[in-house]
Every structure is written in C-alpha cells, then in structure tokens.
Amino acid sequence: DMVIGIERNQQDEDLKNQSTVRILKNRFSGETGLACHLEFNLNT
C-alpha cells in the first residue's frame, strides 16, 4: 500500500546522522515525494 525510502549519506561527517524520508508509493492518496528530514541523536 505504501513504500517509504529512507536515504542518508553515511560518508559525509556533517550529514551522516541526517536522513531523508521519501514516499515512493502511496495507494491511499497518491501523494509521493519528499516527506521530511530526520536527525538521529546519538545521546538519546
């Protein structure tokens, strides 16, 4: 029904904890594309 891709550049020291969430398929509404950006906090 939905396909969600999570992308991140593990090789870039400044960006390695940031991910891009992309909706690749959405059977419910048809909306696809960039969803948001997330950052992983190593401490929490």
PDB file of all heavy atoms in Angstrom:
ATOM      1  N   ASP A   1       0.833  -1.201   0.000  1.00  0.00           N
ATOM      2  CA  ASP A   1       0.000   0.000   0.000  1.00  0.00           C
ATOM      3  C   ASP A   1       0.866   1.249   0.000  1.00  0.00           C
ATOM      4  O   ASP A   1       0.509   2.243  -0.613  1.00  0.00           O
ATOM      5  CB  ASP A   1      -0.915   0.027   1.228  1.00  0.00           C
ATOM      6  CG  ASP A   1      -2.038  -0.991   1.135  1.00  0.00           C
ATOM      7  OD1 ASP A   1      -2.513  -1.255   0.011  1.00  0.00           O
ATOM      8  OD2 ASP A   1      -2.439  -1.529   2.180  1.00  0.00           O
ATOM      9  N   MET A   2       1.968   1.183   0.733  1.00  0.00           N
ATOM     10  CA  MET A   2       2.894   2.317   0.799  1.00  0.00           C
ATOM     11  C   MET A   2       4.314   1.796   0.728  1.00  0.00           C
ATOM     12  O   MET A   2       4.606   0.720   1.245  1.00  0.00           O
ATOM     13  CB  MET A   2       2.723   3.107   2.097  1.00  0.00           C
ATOM     14  CG  MET A   2       1.394   3.794   2.216  1.00  0.00           C
ATOM     15  SD  MET A   2       1.400   5.086   3.454  1.00  0.00           S
ATOM     16  CE  MET A   2       2.411   6.315   2.696  1.00  0.00           C
ATOM     17  N   VAL A   3       5.170   2.575   0.089  1.00  0.00           N
ATOM     18  CA  VAL A   3       6.597   2.274   0.083  1.00  0.00           C
ATOM     19  C   VAL A   3       7.306   3.552   0.500  1.00  0.00           C
ATOM     20  O   VAL A   3       7.088   4.619  -0.080  1.00  0.00           O
ATOM     21  CB  VAL A   3       7.093   1.808  -1.305  1.00  0.00           C
ATOM     22  CG1 VAL A   3       8.590   1.541  -1.266  1.00  0.00           C
ATOM     23  CG2 VAL A   3       6.332   0.574  -1.754  1.00  0.00           C
ATOM     24  N   ILE A   4       8.123   3.441   1.535  1.00  0.00           N
ATOM     25  CA  ILE A   4       8.840   4.585   2.082  1.00  0.00           C
ATOM     26  C   ILE A   4      10.329   4.297   2.009  1.00  0.00           C
ATOM     27  O   ILE A   4      10.785   3.242   2.471  1.00  0.00           O
ATOM     28  CB  ILE A   4       8.423   4.838   3.550  1.00  0.00           C
ATOM     29  CG1 ILE A   4       6.915   5.093   3.617  1.00  0.00           C
ATOM     30  CG2 ILE A   4       9.226   5.995   4.149  1.00  0.00           C
ATOM     31  CD1 ILE A   4       6.354   5.110   5.015  1.00  0.00           C
ATOM     32  N   GLY A   5      11.071   5.209   1.414  1.00  0.00           N
ATOM     33  CA  GLY A   5      12.520   5.080   1.329  1.00  0.00           C
ATOM     34  C   GLY A   5      13.181   6.018   2.321  1.00  0.00           C
ATOM     35  O   GLY A   5      12.735   7.147   2.516  1.00  0.00           O
ATOM     36  N   ILE A   6      14.225   5.547   2.961  1.00  0.00           N
ATOM     37  CA  ILE A   6      14.992   6.382   3.883  1.00  0.00           C
ATOM     38  C   ILE A   6      16.417   6.435   3.357  1.00  0.00           C
ATOM     39  O   ILE A   6      17.067   5.409   3.197  1.00  0.00           O
ATOM     40  CB  ILE A   6      14.952   5.839   5.322  1.00  0.00           C
ATOM     41  CG1 ILE A   6      13.495   5.760   5.797  1.00  0.00           C
ATOM     42  CG2 ILE A   6      15.785   6.729   6.245  1.00  0.00           C
ATOM     43  CD1 ILE A   6      13.325   5.148   7.164  1.00  0.00           C
ATOM     44  N   GLU A   7      16.875   7.648   3.075  1.00  0.00           N
ATOM     45  CA  GLU A   7      18.189   7.866   2.465  1.00  0.00           C
ATOM     46  C   GLU A   7      19.078   8.632   3.431  1.00  0.00           C
ATOM     47  O   GLU A   7      18.600   9.509   4.146  1.00  0.00           O
ATOM     48  CB  GLU A   7      18.035   8.717   1.191  1.00  0.00           C
ATOM     49  CG  GLU A   7      17.003   8.195   0.229  1.00  0.00           C
ATOM     50  CD  GLU A   7      16.458   9.268  -0.696  1.00  0.00           C
ATOM     51  OE1 GLU A   7      16.837  10.460  -0.581  1.00  0.00           O
ATOM     52  OE2 GLU A   7      15.619   8.931  -1.544  1.00  0.00           O
ATOM     53  N   ARG A   8      20.367   8.286   3.426  1.00  0.00           N
ATOM     54  CA  ARG A   8      21.321   9.105   4.176  1.00  0.00           C
ATOM     55  C   ARG A   8      22.716   8.898   3.630  1.00  0.00           C
ATOM     56  O   ARG A   8      23.045   7.857   3.083  1.00  0.00           O
ATOM     57  CB  ARG A   8      21.249   8.861   5.667  1.00  0.00           C
ATOM     58  CG  ARG A   8      22.090   7.780   6.221  1.00  0.00           C
ATOM     59  CD  ARG A   8      21.834   7.627   7.710  1.00  0.00           C
ATOM     60  NE  ARG A   8      22.225   6.292   8.092  1.00  0.00           N
ATOM     61  CZ  ARG A   8      23.284   6.021   8.823  1.00  0.00           C
ATOM     62  NH1 ARG A   8      24.046   6.984   9.293  1.00  0.00           N
ATOM     63  NH2 ARG A   8      23.590   4.787   9.100  1.00  0.00           N
ATOM     64  N   ASN A   9      23.517   9.916   3.785  1.00  0.00           N
ATOM     65  CA  ASN A   9      24.898   9.877   3.330  1.00  0.00           C
ATOM     66  C   ASN A   9      25.771   9.528   4.527  1.00  0.00           C
ATOM     67  O   ASN A   9      26.141  10.396   5.316  1.00  0.00           O
ATOM     68  CB  ASN A   9      25.309  11.210   2.719  1.00  0.00           C
ATOM     69  CG  ASN A   9      26.673  11.154   2.082  1.00  0.00           C
ATOM     70  OD1 ASN A   9      27.472  10.256   2.367  1.00  0.00           O
ATOM     71  ND2 ASN A   9      26.947  12.102   1.213  1.00  0.00           N
ATOM     72  N   GLN A  10      26.107   8.262   4.644  1.00  0.00           N
ATOM     73  CA  GLN A  10      26.901   7.785   5.774  1.00  0.00           C
ATOM     74  C   GLN A  10      28.352   8.244   5.700  1.00  0.00           C
ATOM     75  O   GLN A  10      29.076   8.171   6.692  1.00  0.00           O
ATOM     76  CB  GLN A  10      26.895   6.255   5.806  1.00  0.00           C
ATOM     77  CG  GLN A  10      25.539   5.651   5.939  1.00  0.00           C
ATOM     78  CD  GLN A  10      25.581   4.141   5.744  1.00  0.00           C
ATOM     79  OE1 GLN A  10      26.629   3.549   5.541  1.00  0.00           O
ATOM     80  NE2 GLN A  10      24.430   3.514   5.824  1.00  0.00           N
ATOM     81  N   GLN A  11      28.784   8.710   4.546  1.00  0.00           N
ATOM     82  CA  GLN A  11      30.186   9.071   4.334  1.00  0.00           C
ATOM     83  C   GLN A  11      30.481  10.529   4.659  1.00  0.00           C
ATOM     84  O   GLN A  11      31.635  10.910   4.809  1.00  0.00           O
ATOM     85  CB  GLN A  11      30.584   8.787   2.881  1.00  0.00           C
ATOM     86  CG  GLN A  11      30.215   7.392   2.385  1.00  0.00           C
ATOM     87  CD  GLN A  11      30.683   6.278   3.299  1.00  0.00           C
ATOM     88  OE1 GLN A  11      31.833   6.266   3.725  1.00  0.00           O
ATOM     89  NE2 GLN A  11      29.796   5.349   3.610  1.00  0.00           N
ATOM     90  N   ASP A  12      29.465  11.368   4.743  1.00  0.00           N
ATOM     91  CA  ASP A  12      29.646  12.798   4.997  1.00  0.00           C
ATOM     92  C   ASP A  12      29.593  13.059   6.504  1.00  0.00           C
ATOM     93  O   ASP A  12      28.559  12.856   7.139  1.00  0.00           O
ATOM     94  CB  ASP A  12      28.552  13.589   4.274  1.00  0.00           C
ATOM     95  CG  ASP A  12      28.745  15.082   4.353  1.00  0.00           C
ATOM     96  OD1 ASP A  12      29.078  15.602   5.445  1.00  0.00           O
ATOM     97  OD2 ASP A  12      28.557  15.748   3.323  1.00  0.00           O
ATOM     98  N   GLU A  13      30.687  13.506   7.077  1.00  0.00           N
ATOM     99  CA  GLU A  13      30.759  13.722   8.529  1.00  0.00           C
ATOM    100  C   GLU A  13      29.705  14.697   9.041  1.00  0.00           C
ATOM    101  O   GLU A  13      29.199  14.545  10.150  1.00  0.00           O
ATOM    102  CB  GLU A  13      32.154  14.209   8.927  1.00  0.00           C
ATOM    103  CG  GLU A  13      33.192  13.108   8.957  1.00  0.00           C
ATOM    104  CD  GLU A  13      32.857  11.975   9.924  1.00  0.00           C
ATOM    105  OE1 GLU A  13      32.437  12.255  11.063  1.00  0.00           O
ATOM    106  OE2 GLU A  13      32.994  10.805   9.528  1.00  0.00           O
ATOM    107  N   ASP A  14      29.361  15.710   8.250  1.00  0.00           N
ATOM    108  CA  ASP A  14      28.374  16.705   8.684  1.00  0.00           C
ATOM    109  C   ASP A  14      26.938  16.202   8.559  1.00  0.00           C
ATOM    110  O   ASP A  14      26.050  16.692   9.246  1.00  0.00           O
ATOM    111  CB  ASP A  14      28.524  17.993   7.873  1.00  0.00           C
ATOM    112  CG  ASP A  14      29.853  18.683   8.137  1.00  0.00           C
ATOM    113  OD1 ASP A  14      30.344  18.616   9.283  1.00  0.00           O
ATOM    114  OD2 ASP A  14      30.406  19.284   7.190  1.00  0.00           O
ATOM    115  N   LEU A  15      26.700  15.242   7.671  1.00  0.00           N
ATOM    116  CA  LEU A  15      25.332  14.815   7.378  1.00  0.00           C
ATOM    117  C   LEU A  15      25.024  13.363   7.748  1.00  0.00           C
ATOM    118  O   LEU A  15      23.896  12.912   7.573  1.00  0.00           O
ATOM    119  CB  LEU A  15      25.053  14.994   5.873  1.00  0.00           C
ATOM    120  CG  LEU A  15      25.196  16.402   5.324  1.00  0.00           C
ATOM    121  CD1 LEU A  15      25.021  16.406   3.813  1.00  0.00           C
ATOM    122  CD2 LEU A  15      24.212  17.337   5.992  1.00  0.00           C
ATOM    123  N   LYS A  16      25.996  12.633   8.269  1.00  0.00           N
ATOM    124  CA  LYS A  16      25.817  11.187   8.448  1.00  0.00           C
ATOM    125  C   LYS A  16      24.713  10.800   9.425  1.00  0.00           C
ATOM    126  O   LYS A  16      24.232   9.668   9.385  1.00  0.00           O
ATOM    127  CB  LYS A  16      27.128  10.518   8.830  1.00  0.00           C
ATOM    128  CG  LYS A  16      27.648  10.864  10.196  1.00  0.00           C
ATOM    129  CD  LYS A  16      28.958  10.145  10.448  1.00  0.00           C
ATOM    130  CE  LYS A  16      29.491  10.471  11.821  1.00  0.00           C
ATOM    131  NZ  LYS A  16      30.759   9.782  12.043  1.00  0.00           N
ATOM    132  N   ASN A  17      24.267  11.694  10.268  1.00  0.00           N
ATOM    133  CA  ASN A  17      23.173  11.396  11.198  1.00  0.00           C
ATOM    134  C   ASN A  17      21.835  11.942  10.714  1.00  0.00           C
ATOM    135  O   ASN A  17      20.847  11.889  11.439  1.00  0.00           O
ATOM    136  CB  ASN A  17      23.489  11.929  12.591  1.00  0.00           C
ATOM    137  CG  ASN A  17      24.640  11.187  13.225  1.00  0.00           C
ATOM    138  OD1 ASN A  17      24.784   9.982  13.047  1.00  0.00           O
ATOM    139  ND2 ASN A  17      25.487  11.897  13.942  1.00  0.00           N
ATOM    140  N   GLN A  18      21.827  12.484   9.489  1.00  0.00           N
ATOM    141  CA  GLN A  18      20.590  13.017   8.920  1.00  0.00           C
ATOM    142  C   GLN A  18      20.063  12.097   7.829  1.00  0.00           C
ATOM    143  O   GLN A  18      20.833  11.575   7.031  1.00  0.00           O
ATOM    144  CB  GLN A  18      20.822  14.405   8.341  1.00  0.00           C
ATOM    145  CG  GLN A  18      21.160  15.430   9.394  1.00  0.00           C
ATOM    146  CD  GLN A  18      21.276  16.813   8.803  1.00  0.00           C
ATOM    147  OE1 GLN A  18      20.810  17.081   7.708  1.00  0.00           O
ATOM    148  NE2 GLN A  18      21.903  17.703   9.541  1.00  0.00           N
ATOM    149  N   SER A  19      18.766  11.899   7.815  1.00  0.00           N
ATOM    150  CA  SER A  19      18.126  11.045   6.821  1.00  0.00           C
ATOM    151  C   SER A  19      17.027  11.805   6.110  1.00  0.00           C
ATOM    152  O   SER A  19      16.380  12.679   6.695  1.00  0.00           O
ATOM    153  CB  SER A  19      17.501   9.807   7.478  1.00  0.00           C
ATOM    154  OG  SER A  19      18.478   9.030   8.113  1.00  0.00           O
ATOM    155  N   THR A  20      16.816  11.444   4.858  1.00  0.00           N
ATOM    156  CA  THR A  20      15.711  11.968   4.073  1.00  0.00           C
ATOM    157  C   THR A  20      14.676  10.865   3.939  1.00  0.00           C
ATOM    158  O   THR A  20      15.007   9.733   3.580  1.00  0.00           O
ATOM    159  CB  THR A  20      16.191  12.394   2.672  1.00  0.00           C
ATOM    160  OG1 THR A  20      17.166  13.421   2.821  1.00  0.00           O
ATOM    161  CG2 THR A  20      15.047  12.891   1.813  1.00  0.00           C
ATOM    162  N   VAL A  21      13.417  11.185   4.237  1.00  0.00           N
ATOM    163  CA  VAL A  21      12.324  10.224   4.114  1.00  0.00           C
ATOM    164  C   VAL A  21      11.547  10.583   2.848  1.00  0.00           C
ATOM    165  O   VAL A  21      11.108  11.715   2.681  1.00  0.00           O
ATOM    166  CB  VAL A  21      11.400  10.262   5.352  1.00  0.00           C
ATOM    167  CG1 VAL A  21      10.252   9.277   5.199  1.00  0.00           C
ATOM    168  CG2 VAL A  21      12.197   9.982   6.621  1.00  0.00           C
ATOM    169  N   ARG A  22      11.417   9.591   1.969  1.00  0.00           N
ATOM    170  CA  ARG A  22      10.777   9.810   0.677  1.00  0.00           C
ATOM    171  C   ARG A  22       9.642   8.797   0.502  1.00  0.00           C
ATOM    172  O   ARG A  22       9.852   7.600   0.676  1.00  0.00           O
ATOM    173  CB  ARG A  22      11.813   9.636  -0.434  1.00  0.00           C
ATOM    174  CG  ARG A  22      11.376  10.056  -1.800  1.00  0.00           C
ATOM    175  CD  ARG A  22      12.525  10.004  -2.796  1.00  0.00           C
ATOM    176  NE  ARG A  22      13.731  10.682  -2.364  1.00  0.00           N
ATOM    177  CZ  ARG A  22      13.937  12.000  -2.431  1.00  0.00           C
ATOM    178  NH1 ARG A  22      12.995  12.777  -2.924  1.00  0.00           N
ATOM    179  NH2 ARG A  22      15.078  12.528  -2.019  1.00  0.00           N
ATOM    180  N   ILE A  23       8.450   9.275   0.168  1.00  0.00           N
ATOM    181  CA  ILE A  23       7.314   8.402  -0.110  1.00  0.00           C
ATOM    182  C   ILE A  23       7.398   8.003  -1.578  1.00  0.00           C
ATOM    183  O   ILE A  23       7.308   8.842  -2.472  1.00  0.00           O
ATOM    184  CB  ILE A  23       5.962   9.100   0.175  1.00  0.00           C
ATOM    185  CG1 ILE A  23       5.931   9.694   1.585  1.00  0.00           C
ATOM    186  CG2 ILE A  23       4.798   8.132  -0.059  1.00  0.00           C
ATOM    187  CD1 ILE A  23       6.156   8.722   2.709  1.00  0.00           C
ATOM    188  N   LEU A  24       7.597   6.706  -1.824  1.00  0.00           N
ATOM    189  CA  LEU A  24       7.757   6.199  -3.180  1.00  0.00           C
ATOM    190  C   LEU A  24       6.435   5.700  -3.762  1.00  0.00           C
ATOM    191  O   LEU A  24       6.254   5.687  -4.976  1.00  0.00           O
ATOM    192  CB  LEU A  24       8.788   5.071  -3.202  1.00  0.00           C
ATOM    193  CG  LEU A  24      10.153   5.417  -2.610  1.00  0.00           C
ATOM    194  CD1 LEU A  24      11.054   4.200  -2.579  1.00  0.00           C
ATOM    195  CD2 LEU A  24      10.799   6.549  -3.393  1.00  0.00           C
ATOM    196  N   LYS A  25       5.534   5.262  -2.881  1.00  0.00           N
ATOM    197  CA  LYS A  25       4.204   4.819  -3.315  1.00  0.00           C
ATOM    198  C   LYS A  25       3.231   5.102  -2.186  1.00  0.00           C
ATOM    199  O   LYS A  25       3.554   4.910  -1.015  1.00  0.00           O
ATOM    200  CB  LYS A  25       4.208   3.327  -3.624  1.00  0.00           C
ATOM    201  CG  LYS A  25       2.835   2.811  -4.031  1.00  0.00           C
ATOM    202  CD  LYS A  25       2.849   1.339  -4.332  1.00  0.00           C
ATOM    203  CE  LYS A  25       1.445   0.877  -4.714  1.00  0.00           C
ATOM    204  NZ  LYS A  25       1.442  -0.557  -5.025  1.00  0.00           N
ATOM    205  N   ASN A  26       2.036   5.554  -2.570  1.00  0.00           N
ATOM    206  CA  ASN A  26       1.002   5.835  -1.587  1.00  0.00           C
ATOM    207  C   ASN A  26      -0.345   5.492  -2.217  1.00  0.00           C
ATOM    208  O   ASN A  26      -0.917   6.294  -2.947  1.00  0.00           O
ATOM    209  CB  ASN A  26       1.051   7.306  -1.176  1.00  0.00           C
ATOM    210  CG  ASN A  26       0.057   7.644  -0.104  1.00  0.00           C
ATOM    211  OD1 ASN A  26      -0.897   6.916   0.134  1.00  0.00           O
ATOM    212  ND2 ASN A  26       0.280   8.770   0.540  1.00  0.00           N
ATOM    213  N   ARG A  27      -0.796   4.290  -1.961  1.00  0.00           N
ATOM    214  CA  ARG A  27      -2.054   3.825  -2.554  1.00  0.00           C
ATOM    215  C   ARG A  27      -3.256   4.585  -2.000  1.00  0.00           C
ATOM    216  O   ARG A  27      -4.300   4.659  -2.632  1.00  0.00           O
ATOM    217  CB  ARG A  27      -2.213   2.327  -2.268  1.00  0.00           C
ATOM    218  CG  ARG A  27      -3.326   1.663  -3.025  1.00  0.00           C
ATOM    219  CD  ARG A  27      -3.355   0.179  -2.750  1.00  0.00           C
ATOM    220  NE  ARG A  27      -2.095  -0.414  -3.124  1.00  0.00           N
ATOM    221  CZ  ARG A  27      -1.948  -1.433  -3.945  1.00  0.00           C
ATOM    222  NH1 ARG A  27      -2.992  -1.979  -4.483  1.00  0.00           N
ATOM    223  NH2 ARG A  27      -0.763  -1.916  -4.222  1.00  0.00           N
ATOM    224  N   PHE A  28      -3.124   5.166  -0.813  1.00  0.00           N
ATOM    225  CA  PHE A  28      -4.259   5.799  -0.161  1.00  0.00           C
ATOM    226  C   PHE A  28      -4.593   7.165  -0.756  1.00  0.00           C
ATOM    227  O   PHE A  28      -5.745   7.479  -0.986  1.00  0.00           O
ATOM    228  CB  PHE A  28      -4.010   5.915   1.342  1.00  0.00           C
ATOM    229  CG  PHE A  28      -3.755   4.579   1.978  1.00  0.00           C
ATOM    230  CD1 PHE A  28      -2.499   4.258   2.465  1.00  0.00           C
ATOM    231  CD2 PHE A  28      -4.746   3.618   2.059  1.00  0.00           C
ATOM    232  CE1 PHE A  28      -2.246   3.022   3.033  1.00  0.00           C
ATOM    233  CE2 PHE A  28      -4.502   2.377   2.628  1.00  0.00           C
ATOM    234  CZ  PHE A  28      -3.254   2.080   3.115  1.00  0.00           C
ATOM    235  N   SER A  29      -3.586   7.996  -1.001  1.00  0.00           N
ATOM    236  CA  SER A  29      -3.860   9.334  -1.521  1.00  0.00           C
ATOM    237  C   SER A  29      -3.138   9.632  -2.829  1.00  0.00           C
ATOM    238  O   SER A  29      -3.450  10.608  -3.484  1.00  0.00           O
ATOM    239  CB  SER A  29      -3.455  10.401  -0.494  1.00  0.00           C
ATOM    240  OG  SER A  29      -2.033  10.476  -0.402  1.00  0.00           O
ATOM    241  N   GLY A  30      -2.163   8.823  -3.169  1.00  0.00           N
ATOM    242  CA  GLY A  30      -1.393   9.064  -4.382  1.00  0.00           C
ATOM    243  C   GLY A  30      -0.267  10.067  -4.217  1.00  0.00           C
ATOM    244  O   GLY A  30       0.535  10.260  -5.119  1.00  0.00           O
ATOM    245  N   GLU A  31      -0.206  10.703  -3.043  1.00  0.00           N
ATOM    246  CA  GLU A  31       0.851  11.691  -2.812  1.00  0.00           C
ATOM    247  C   GLU A  31       2.186  10.988  -2.614  1.00  0.00           C
ATOM    248  O   GLU A  31       2.301  10.079  -1.798  1.00  0.00           O
ATOM    249  CB  GLU A  31       0.533  12.534  -1.579  1.00  0.00           C
ATOM    250  CG  GLU A  31      -0.707  13.384  -1.740  1.00  0.00           C
ATOM    251  CD  GLU A  31      -1.052  14.092  -0.454  1.00  0.00           C
ATOM    252  OE1 GLU A  31      -1.654  13.441   0.420  1.00  0.00           O
ATOM    253  OE2 GLU A  31      -0.689  15.277  -0.331  1.00  0.00           O
ATOM    254  N   THR A  32       3.191  11.411  -3.354  1.00  0.00           N
ATOM    255  CA  THR A  32       4.532  10.844  -3.235  1.00  0.00           C
ATOM    256  C   THR A  32       5.548  11.976  -3.214  1.00  0.00           C
ATOM    257  O   THR A  32       5.210  13.128  -3.433  1.00  0.00           O
ATOM    258  CB  THR A  32       4.847   9.887  -4.411  1.00  0.00           C
ATOM    259  OG1 THR A  32       4.747  10.623  -5.631  1.00  0.00           O
ATOM    260  CG2 THR A  32       3.908   8.700  -4.431  1.00  0.00           C
ATOM    261  N   GLY A  33       6.784  11.625  -2.945  1.00  0.00           N
ATOM    262  CA  GLY A  33       7.868  12.603  -2.948  1.00  0.00           C
ATOM    263  C   GLY A  33       8.461  12.774  -1.565  1.00  0.00           C
ATOM    264  O   GLY A  33       8.260  11.958  -0.658  1.00  0.00           O
ATOM    265  N   LEU A  34       9.206  13.844  -1.411  1.00  0.00           N
ATOM    266  CA  LEU A  34       9.899  14.139  -0.160  1.00  0.00           C
ATOM    267  C   LEU A  34       8.896  14.306   0.981  1.00  0.00           C
ATOM    268  O   LEU A  34       7.940  15.061   0.869  1.00  0.00           O
ATOM    269  CB  LEU A  34      10.719  15.420  -0.326  1.00  0.00           C
ATOM    270  CG  LEU A  34      11.553  15.854   0.863  1.00  0.00           C
ATOM    271  CD1 LEU A  34      12.614  14.808   1.183  1.00  0.00           C
ATOM    272  CD2 LEU A  34      12.201  17.189   0.585  1.00  0.00           C
ATOM    273  N   ALA A  35       9.127  13.580   2.074  1.00  0.00           N
ATOM    274  CA  ALA A  35       8.227  13.656   3.228  1.00  0.00           C
ATOM    275  C   ALA A  35       8.812  14.544   4.322  1.00  0.00           C
ATOM    276  O   ALA A  35       8.146  15.448   4.814  1.00  0.00           O
ATOM    277  CB  ALA A  35       7.942  12.267   3.779  1.00  0.00           C
ATOM    278  N   CYS A  36      10.065  14.270   4.708  1.00  0.00           N
ATOM    279  CA  CYS A  36      10.690  15.048   5.771  1.00  0.00           C
ATOM    280  C   CYS A  36      12.165  14.683   5.868  1.00  0.00           C
ATOM    281  O   CYS A  36      12.642  13.811   5.157  1.00  0.00           O
ATOM    282  CB  CYS A  36      10.000  14.816   7.115  1.00  0.00           C
ATOM    283  SG  CYS A  36      10.212  13.151   7.789  1.00  0.00           S
ATOM    284  N   HIS A  37      12.836  15.352   6.784  1.00  0.00           N
ATOM    285  CA  HIS A  37      14.230  15.056   7.109  1.00  0.00           C
ATOM    286  C   HIS A  37      14.298  14.743   8.596  1.00  0.00           C
ATOM    287  O   HIS A  37      13.639  15.395   9.408  1.00  0.00           O
ATOM    288  CB  HIS A  37      15.137  16.247   6.784  1.00  0.00           C
ATOM    289  CG  HIS A  37      15.120  16.598   5.335  1.00  0.00           C
ATOM    290  ND1 HIS A  37      15.880  15.945   4.398  1.00  0.00           N
ATOM    291  CD2 HIS A  37      14.418  17.523   4.657  1.00  0.00           C
ATOM    292  CE1 HIS A  37      15.661  16.464   3.212  1.00  0.00           C
ATOM    293  NE2 HIS A  37      14.772  17.419   3.342  1.00  0.00           N
ATOM    294  N   LEU A  38      15.080  13.736   8.939  1.00  0.00           N
ATOM    295  CA  LEU A  38      15.221  13.320  10.329  1.00  0.00           C
ATOM    296  C   LEU A  38      16.684  13.350  10.729  1.00  0.00           C
ATOM    297  O   LEU A  38      17.566  13.142   9.907  1.00  0.00           O
ATOM    298  CB  LEU A  38      14.689  11.895  10.510  1.00  0.00           C
ATOM    299  CG  LEU A  38      13.246  11.635  10.132  1.00  0.00           C
ATOM    300  CD1 LEU A  38      12.936  10.146  10.207  1.00  0.00           C
ATOM    301  CD2 LEU A  38      12.303  12.425  11.028  1.00  0.00           C
ATOM    302  N   GLU A  39      16.894  13.597  12.028  1.00  0.00           N
ATOM    303  CA  GLU A  39      18.256  13.528  12.553  1.00  0.00           C
ATOM    304  C   GLU A  39      18.275  12.555  13.718  1.00  0.00           C
ATOM    305  O   GLU A  39      17.416  12.597  14.594  1.00  0.00           O
ATOM    306  CB  GLU A  39      18.738  14.900  13.017  1.00  0.00           C
ATOM    307  CG  GLU A  39      20.177  14.877  13.507  1.00  0.00           C
ATOM    308  CD  GLU A  39      20.727  16.264  13.740  1.00  0.00           C
ATOM    309  OE1 GLU A  39      20.088  17.026  14.497  1.00  0.00           O
ATOM    310  OE2 GLU A  39      21.775  16.575  13.166  1.00  0.00           O
ATOM    311  N   PHE A  40      19.286  11.676  13.717  1.00  0.00           N
ATOM    312  CA  PHE A  40      19.462  10.713  14.788  1.00  0.00           C
ATOM    313  C   PHE A  40      20.354  11.319  15.855  1.00  0.00           C
ATOM    314  O   PHE A  40      21.451  11.794  15.568  1.00  0.00           O
ATOM    315  CB  PHE A  40      20.091   9.419  14.257  1.00  0.00           C
ATOM    316  CG  PHE A  40      20.286   8.385  15.323  1.00  0.00           C
ATOM    317  CD1 PHE A  40      19.203   7.708  15.849  1.00  0.00           C
ATOM    318  CD2 PHE A  40      21.552   8.093  15.802  1.00  0.00           C
ATOM    319  CE1 PHE A  40      19.375   6.748  16.839  1.00  0.00           C
ATOM    320  CE2 PHE A  40      21.735   7.139  16.787  1.00  0.00           C
ATOM    321  CZ  PHE A  40      20.640   6.470  17.311  1.00  0.00           C
ATOM    322  N   ASN A  41      19.877  11.314  17.098  1.00  0.00           N
ATOM    323  CA  ASN A  41      20.636  11.833  18.220  1.00  0.00           C
ATOM    324  C   ASN A  41      21.328  10.651  18.899  1.00  0.00           C
ATOM    325  O   ASN A  41      20.673   9.778  19.473  1.00  0.00           O
ATOM    326  CB  ASN A  41      19.717  12.554  19.203  1.00  0.00           C
ATOM    327  CG  ASN A  41      20.457  13.185  20.343  1.00  0.00           C
ATOM    328  OD1 ASN A  41      21.330  12.582  20.959  1.00  0.00           O
ATOM    329  ND2 ASN A  41      20.103  14.425  20.643  1.00  0.00           N
ATOM    330  N   LEU A  42      22.649  10.624  18.826  1.00  0.00           N
ATOM    331  CA  LEU A  42      23.421   9.516  19.395  1.00  0.00           C
ATOM    332  C   LEU A  42      23.260   9.407  20.904  1.00  0.00           C
ATOM    333  O   LEU A  42      23.351   8.312  21.470  1.00  0.00           O
ATOM    334  CB  LEU A  42      24.905   9.682  19.053  1.00  0.00           C
ATOM    335  CG  LEU A  42      25.248   9.536  17.570  1.00  0.00           C
ATOM    336  CD1 LEU A  42      26.661  10.027  17.289  1.00  0.00           C
ATOM    337  CD2 LEU A  42      25.091   8.090  17.146  1.00  0.00           C
ATOM    338  N   ASN A  43      23.018  10.518  21.594  1.00  0.00           N
ATOM    339  CA  ASN A  43      22.895  10.509  23.059  1.00  0.00           C
ATOM    340  C   ASN A  43      21.555   9.947  23.527  1.00  0.00           C
ATOM    341  O   ASN A  43      21.493   9.259  24.543  1.00  0.00           O
ATOM    342  CB  ASN A  43      23.096  11.908  23.616  1.00  0.00           C
ATOM    343  CG  ASN A  43      24.500  12.418  23.368  1.00  0.00           C
ATOM    344  OD1 ASN A  43      25.468  11.665  23.462  1.00  0.00           O
ATOM    345  ND2 ASN A  43      24.629  13.691  23.024  1.00  0.00           N
ATOM    346  N   THR A  44      20.479  10.273  22.790  1.00  0.00           N
ATOM    347  CA  THR A  44      19.149   9.842  23.224  1.00  0.00           C
ATOM    348  C   THR A  44      18.651   8.614  22.469  1.00  0.00           C
ATOM    349  O   THR A  44      17.716   7.955  22.924  1.00  0.00           O
ATOM    350  CB  THR A  44      18.119  10.970  23.034  1.00  0.00           C
ATOM    351  OG1 THR A  44      18.004  11.250  21.631  1.00  0.00           O
ATOM    352  CG2 THR A  44      18.517  12.217  23.805  1.00  0.00           C
TER     353      THR A  44
END
